[in-house]
Amino acid sequence: DVPSQSAWMDGTANGYPSYVVSDGVTTHHTYGFGIYSFFNQGIYIIEDAAMTVPVASGVAVHDAGTVLLNGKGEITHVVNDTGSAATKPGALNPVTAYP
């Protein structure tokens, strides 16, 4: 697992998304996607977004969610800056449609 927040930064963003669609993509649909976190080093680790996708008319995410399995930390958003933070172990944080 990551040893510290400072060791797990993507530029100024906290952590690295688990699923990334490149900025130049204009058509992409994701269905039924789940991402979980388990930070077990005893320190609070933040991932800003589980998924990042470009804002384009042909790009959409359907029925995605995040879960904090256990440990200390959070996934702040499900897709880009959308979706509630996964901070409570076992609680699903869904996004039914994005955008």
N, C-alpha and C. Protein backbone atom coordinates (compact mmCIF):
# COMPACT_ATOMS: atom_id res chain seq x y z
N ASP A 1 0.84 -1.18 0.00
CA ASP A 1 0.00 0.00 0.00
C ASP A 1 0.88 1.24 0.00
N VAL A 2 0.29 2.36 -0.31
CA VAL A 2 1.07 3.60 -0.37
C VAL A 2 1.55 4.00 1.02
N PRO A 3 2.80 4.46 1.14
CA PRO A 3 3.35 4.78 2.45
C PRO A 3 2.90 6.12 3.02
N SER A 4 2.51 7.06 2.14
CA SER A 4 2.10 8.38 2.60
C SER A 4 1.34 9.08 1.47
N GLN A 5 0.59 10.12 1.82
CA GLN A 5 -0.12 10.88 0.80
C GLN A 5 0.87 11.54 -0.16
N SER A 6 1.95 12.09 0.37
CA SER A 6 2.92 12.78 -0.49
C SER A 6 3.57 11.84 -1.50
N ALA A 7 3.64 10.56 -1.19
CA ALA A 7 4.20 9.58 -2.12
C ALA A 7 3.18 9.14 -3.17
N TRP A 8 1.92 9.51 -2.99
CA TRP A 8 0.86 9.07 -3.89
C TRP A 8 0.10 10.27 -4.43
N MET A 9 0.82 11.10 -5.19
CA MET A 9 0.24 12.30 -5.78
C MET A 9 0.42 12.25 -7.29
N ASP A 10 -0.59 12.70 -8.01
CA ASP A 10 -0.54 12.84 -9.46
C ASP A 10 -0.50 14.34 -9.75
N GLY A 11 0.68 14.92 -9.72
CA GLY A 11 0.79 16.37 -9.79
C GLY A 11 0.25 16.96 -8.51
N THR A 12 -0.82 17.77 -8.64
CA THR A 12 -1.45 18.35 -7.45
C THR A 12 -2.66 17.54 -6.98
N ALA A 13 -3.02 16.52 -7.73
CA ALA A 13 -4.18 15.68 -7.37
C ALA A 13 -3.77 14.61 -6.38
N ASN A 14 -4.64 14.36 -5.42
CA ASN A 14 -4.41 13.28 -4.45
C ASN A 14 -4.64 11.93 -5.11
N GLY A 15 -3.65 11.08 -5.10
CA GLY A 15 -3.79 9.74 -5.62
C GLY A 15 -3.88 9.67 -7.13
N TYR A 16 -4.16 8.47 -7.61
CA TYR A 16 -4.28 8.20 -9.04
C TYR A 16 -5.62 7.52 -9.29
N PRO A 17 -6.37 7.96 -10.28
CA PRO A 17 -7.63 7.28 -10.59
C PRO A 17 -7.36 5.82 -10.98
N SER A 18 -8.29 4.95 -10.64
CA SER A 18 -8.18 3.54 -11.01
C SER A 18 -8.55 3.30 -12.46
N TYR A 19 -9.36 4.18 -13.02
CA TYR A 19 -9.83 4.04 -14.40
C TYR A 19 -9.74 5.41 -15.06
N VAL A 20 -9.00 5.49 -16.16
CA VAL A 20 -8.79 6.77 -16.85
C VAL A 20 -9.14 6.61 -18.33
N VAL A 21 -9.96 7.51 -18.83
CA VAL A 21 -10.23 7.61 -20.26
C VAL A 21 -9.46 8.84 -20.74
N SER A 22 -8.61 8.67 -21.72
CA SER A 22 -7.74 9.75 -22.21
C SER A 22 -8.54 10.95 -22.70
N ASP A 23 -7.95 12.12 -22.54
CA ASP A 23 -8.62 13.37 -22.90
C ASP A 23 -9.10 13.42 -24.34
N GLY A 24 -8.40 12.82 -25.28
CA GLY A 24 -8.76 12.89 -26.68
C GLY A 24 -9.90 11.97 -27.10
N VAL A 25 -10.36 11.11 -26.21
CA VAL A 25 -11.43 10.16 -26.54
C VAL A 25 -12.76 10.91 -26.65
N THR A 26 -13.52 10.64 -27.72
CA THR A 26 -14.80 11.32 -27.92
C THR A 26 -16.00 10.39 -27.79
N THR A 27 -15.77 9.08 -27.84
CA THR A 27 -16.85 8.11 -27.68
C THR A 27 -16.39 7.00 -26.74
N HIS A 28 -17.11 6.86 -25.63
CA HIS A 28 -16.77 5.82 -24.65
C HIS A 28 -17.94 5.69 -23.66
N HIS A 29 -18.39 4.47 -23.44
CA HIS A 29 -19.45 4.22 -22.45
C HIS A 29 -18.97 3.13 -21.50
N THR A 30 -19.16 3.35 -20.22
CA THR A 30 -18.81 2.39 -19.18
C THR A 30 -20.08 2.01 -18.45
N TYR A 31 -20.29 0.71 -18.22
CA TYR A 31 -21.49 0.22 -17.55
C TYR A 31 -21.12 -0.65 -16.36
N GLY A 32 -21.81 -0.46 -15.24
CA GLY A 32 -21.68 -1.34 -14.09
C GLY A 32 -20.26 -1.44 -13.55
N PHE A 33 -19.66 -0.33 -13.24
CA PHE A 33 -18.26 -0.28 -12.86
C PHE A 33 -18.12 -0.02 -11.36
N GLY A 34 -17.28 -0.78 -10.68
CA GLY A 34 -17.06 -0.58 -9.25
C GLY A 34 -15.59 -0.48 -8.92
N ILE A 35 -15.26 0.45 -8.04
CA ILE A 35 -13.88 0.65 -7.61
C ILE A 35 -13.87 0.71 -6.09
N TYR A 36 -12.93 0.00 -5.47
CA TYR A 36 -12.86 0.00 -4.01
C TYR A 36 -11.49 0.48 -3.56
N SER A 37 -11.41 0.87 -2.31
CA SER A 37 -10.12 1.22 -1.71
C SER A 37 -9.96 0.46 -0.40
N PHE A 38 -8.72 0.17 -0.09
CA PHE A 38 -8.35 -0.46 1.18
C PHE A 38 -6.98 0.07 1.56
N PHE A 39 -6.96 1.09 2.36
CA PHE A 39 -5.71 1.71 2.79
C PHE A 39 -5.39 1.20 4.20
N ASN A 40 -4.37 0.36 4.31
CA ASN A 40 -4.13 -0.35 5.56
C ASN A 40 -2.85 0.05 6.29
N GLN A 41 -2.31 1.21 6.00
CA GLN A 41 -1.07 1.62 6.64
C GLN A 41 -1.28 2.47 7.90
N GLY A 42 -2.53 2.68 8.29
CA GLY A 42 -2.81 3.43 9.50
C GLY A 42 -2.76 4.94 9.34
N ILE A 43 -2.64 5.40 8.10
CA ILE A 43 -2.65 6.84 7.83
C ILE A 43 -3.77 7.16 6.85
N TYR A 44 -4.30 8.36 6.91
CA TYR A 44 -5.42 8.75 6.06
C TYR A 44 -4.89 9.07 4.66
N ILE A 45 -5.34 8.31 3.67
CA ILE A 45 -4.93 8.48 2.28
C ILE A 45 -6.16 8.89 1.47
N ILE A 46 -5.97 9.85 0.57
CA ILE A 46 -7.07 10.37 -0.24
C ILE A 46 -6.80 10.11 -1.72
N GLU A 47 -7.82 9.61 -2.41
CA GLU A 47 -7.83 9.53 -3.87
C GLU A 47 -8.93 10.49 -4.32
N ASP A 48 -8.58 11.50 -5.11
CA ASP A 48 -9.56 12.52 -5.50
C ASP A 48 -10.71 11.95 -6.32
N ALA A 49 -10.42 11.09 -7.29
CA ALA A 49 -11.47 10.53 -8.15
C ALA A 49 -11.13 9.09 -8.52
N ALA A 50 -12.11 8.21 -8.42
CA ALA A 50 -11.90 6.81 -8.80
C ALA A 50 -11.76 6.67 -10.31
N MET A 51 -12.51 7.48 -11.05
CA MET A 51 -12.49 7.46 -12.51
C MET A 51 -12.33 8.88 -13.02
N THR A 52 -11.56 9.05 -14.09
CA THR A 52 -11.54 10.33 -14.79
C THR A 52 -11.86 10.08 -16.25
N VAL A 53 -12.78 10.87 -16.76
CA VAL A 53 -13.20 10.77 -18.15
C VAL A 53 -13.28 12.17 -18.73
N PRO A 54 -13.07 12.32 -20.04
CA PRO A 54 -13.21 13.65 -20.64
C PRO A 54 -14.68 14.07 -20.69
N VAL A 55 -14.91 15.36 -20.68
CA VAL A 55 -16.26 15.89 -20.84
C VAL A 55 -16.50 16.01 -22.34
N ALA A 56 -17.27 15.08 -22.88
CA ALA A 56 -17.58 15.03 -24.31
C ALA A 56 -18.95 14.41 -24.48
N SER A 57 -19.67 14.82 -25.51
CA SER A 57 -21.05 14.36 -25.69
C SER A 57 -21.14 12.84 -25.87
N GLY A 58 -20.11 12.20 -26.36
CA GLY A 58 -20.13 10.76 -26.57
C GLY A 58 -19.52 9.94 -25.45
N VAL A 59 -19.18 10.58 -24.34
CA VAL A 59 -18.56 9.88 -23.21
C VAL A 59 -19.56 9.84 -22.06
N ALA A 60 -19.83 8.63 -21.54
CA ALA A 60 -20.80 8.48 -20.45
C ALA A 60 -20.41 7.32 -19.55
N VAL A 61 -20.82 7.45 -18.30
CA VAL A 61 -20.62 6.40 -17.30
C VAL A 61 -21.99 6.05 -16.74
N HIS A 62 -22.32 4.76 -16.71
CA HIS A 62 -23.61 4.29 -16.24
C HIS A 62 -23.40 3.33 -15.06
N ASP A 63 -24.06 3.60 -13.95
CA ASP A 63 -24.06 2.70 -12.79
C ASP A 63 -22.65 2.35 -12.30
N ALA A 64 -21.96 3.37 -11.83
CA ALA A 64 -20.63 3.19 -11.25
C ALA A 64 -20.70 3.48 -9.76
N GLY A 65 -19.75 2.95 -9.01
CA GLY A 65 -19.74 3.22 -7.58
C GLY A 65 -18.39 2.96 -6.96
N THR A 66 -18.23 3.51 -5.76
CA THR A 66 -17.01 3.30 -4.99
C THR A 66 -17.37 2.78 -3.60
N VAL A 67 -16.42 2.06 -3.02
CA VAL A 67 -16.58 1.53 -1.66
C VAL A 67 -15.23 1.58 -0.96
N LEU A 68 -15.22 2.05 0.26
CA LEU A 68 -14.06 1.92 1.14
C LEU A 68 -14.24 0.59 1.86
N LEU A 69 -13.37 -0.36 1.58
CA LEU A 69 -13.52 -1.67 2.21
C LEU A 69 -13.20 -1.60 3.70
N ASN A 70 -12.08 -0.98 4.02
CA ASN A 70 -11.67 -0.82 5.41
C ASN A 70 -10.41 0.03 5.43
N GLY A 71 -9.93 0.33 6.59
CA GLY A 71 -8.72 1.12 6.72
C GLY A 71 -9.05 2.60 6.86
N LYS A 72 -8.03 3.41 6.70
CA LYS A 72 -8.18 4.86 6.82
C LYS A 72 -8.01 5.49 5.45
N GLY A 73 -8.93 6.38 5.09
CA GLY A 73 -8.80 7.08 3.83
C GLY A 73 -10.13 7.27 3.15
N GLU A 74 -10.06 7.73 1.91
CA GLU A 74 -11.29 7.98 1.16
C GLU A 74 -11.01 8.05 -0.33
N ILE A 75 -12.07 7.80 -1.09
CA ILE A 75 -12.14 8.16 -2.50
C ILE A 75 -13.14 9.32 -2.52
N THR A 76 -12.68 10.51 -2.87
CA THR A 76 -13.50 11.71 -2.72
C THR A 76 -14.65 11.76 -3.71
N HIS A 77 -14.43 11.34 -4.96
CA HIS A 77 -15.48 11.36 -5.99
C HIS A 77 -15.44 10.06 -6.79
N VAL A 78 -16.57 9.71 -7.37
CA VAL A 78 -16.65 8.51 -8.21
C VAL A 78 -16.10 8.80 -9.60
N VAL A 79 -16.67 9.81 -10.28
CA VAL A 79 -16.26 10.18 -11.63
C VAL A 79 -15.92 11.66 -11.65
N ASN A 80 -14.71 12.00 -12.06
CA ASN A 80 -14.25 13.39 -12.08
C ASN A 80 -14.57 14.04 -10.74
N ASP A 81 -15.44 15.04 -10.73
CA ASP A 81 -15.81 15.69 -9.46
C ASP A 81 -17.25 15.38 -9.06
N THR A 82 -17.76 14.25 -9.53
CA THR A 82 -19.14 13.84 -9.27
C THR A 82 -19.18 12.61 -8.36
N GLY A 83 -20.14 12.59 -7.47
CA GLY A 83 -20.33 11.46 -6.56
C GLY A 83 -19.82 11.78 -5.18
N SER A 84 -20.45 11.16 -4.20
CA SER A 84 -20.09 11.41 -2.81
C SER A 84 -18.83 10.64 -2.42
N ALA A 85 -18.23 11.08 -1.34
CA ALA A 85 -16.98 10.48 -0.87
C ALA A 85 -17.21 9.12 -0.22
N ALA A 86 -16.35 8.17 -0.54
CA ALA A 86 -16.36 6.86 0.11
C ALA A 86 -15.48 6.97 1.35
N THR A 87 -16.12 7.17 2.50
CA THR A 87 -15.38 7.33 3.76
C THR A 87 -15.82 6.34 4.83
N LYS A 88 -16.97 5.72 4.65
CA LYS A 88 -17.51 4.78 5.63
C LYS A 88 -17.34 3.36 5.10
N PRO A 89 -16.64 2.50 5.82
CA PRO A 89 -16.40 1.14 5.34
C PRO A 89 -17.70 0.41 4.96
N GLY A 90 -17.68 -0.17 3.77
CA GLY A 90 -18.80 -0.97 3.30
C GLY A 90 -19.93 -0.23 2.63
N ALA A 91 -19.95 1.09 2.69
CA ALA A 91 -21.05 1.86 2.11
C ALA A 91 -20.79 2.12 0.63
N LEU A 92 -21.77 1.80 -0.21
CA LEU A 92 -21.68 2.06 -1.64
C LEU A 92 -21.98 3.53 -1.91
N ASN A 93 -21.19 4.13 -2.75
CA ASN A 93 -21.37 5.52 -3.16
C ASN A 93 -21.61 5.52 -4.67
N PRO A 94 -22.88 5.44 -5.08
CA PRO A 94 -23.19 5.24 -6.49
C PRO A 94 -23.32 6.54 -7.29
N VAL A 95 -23.04 6.41 -8.57
CA VAL A 95 -23.39 7.42 -9.57
C VAL A 95 -24.14 6.64 -10.64
N THR A 96 -25.42 6.92 -10.81
CA THR A 96 -26.22 6.15 -11.77
C THR A 96 -25.97 6.58 -13.20
N ALA A 97 -25.66 7.87 -13.41
CA ALA A 97 -25.38 8.34 -14.76
C ALA A 97 -24.47 9.56 -14.71
N TYR A 98 -23.46 9.57 -15.56
CA TYR A 98 -22.56 10.71 -15.71
C TYR A 98 -22.32 10.93 -17.18
N PRO A 99 -22.39 12.07 -17.73
CA PRO A 99 -22.76 13.31 -17.03
C PRO A 99 -24.23 13.38 -16.75
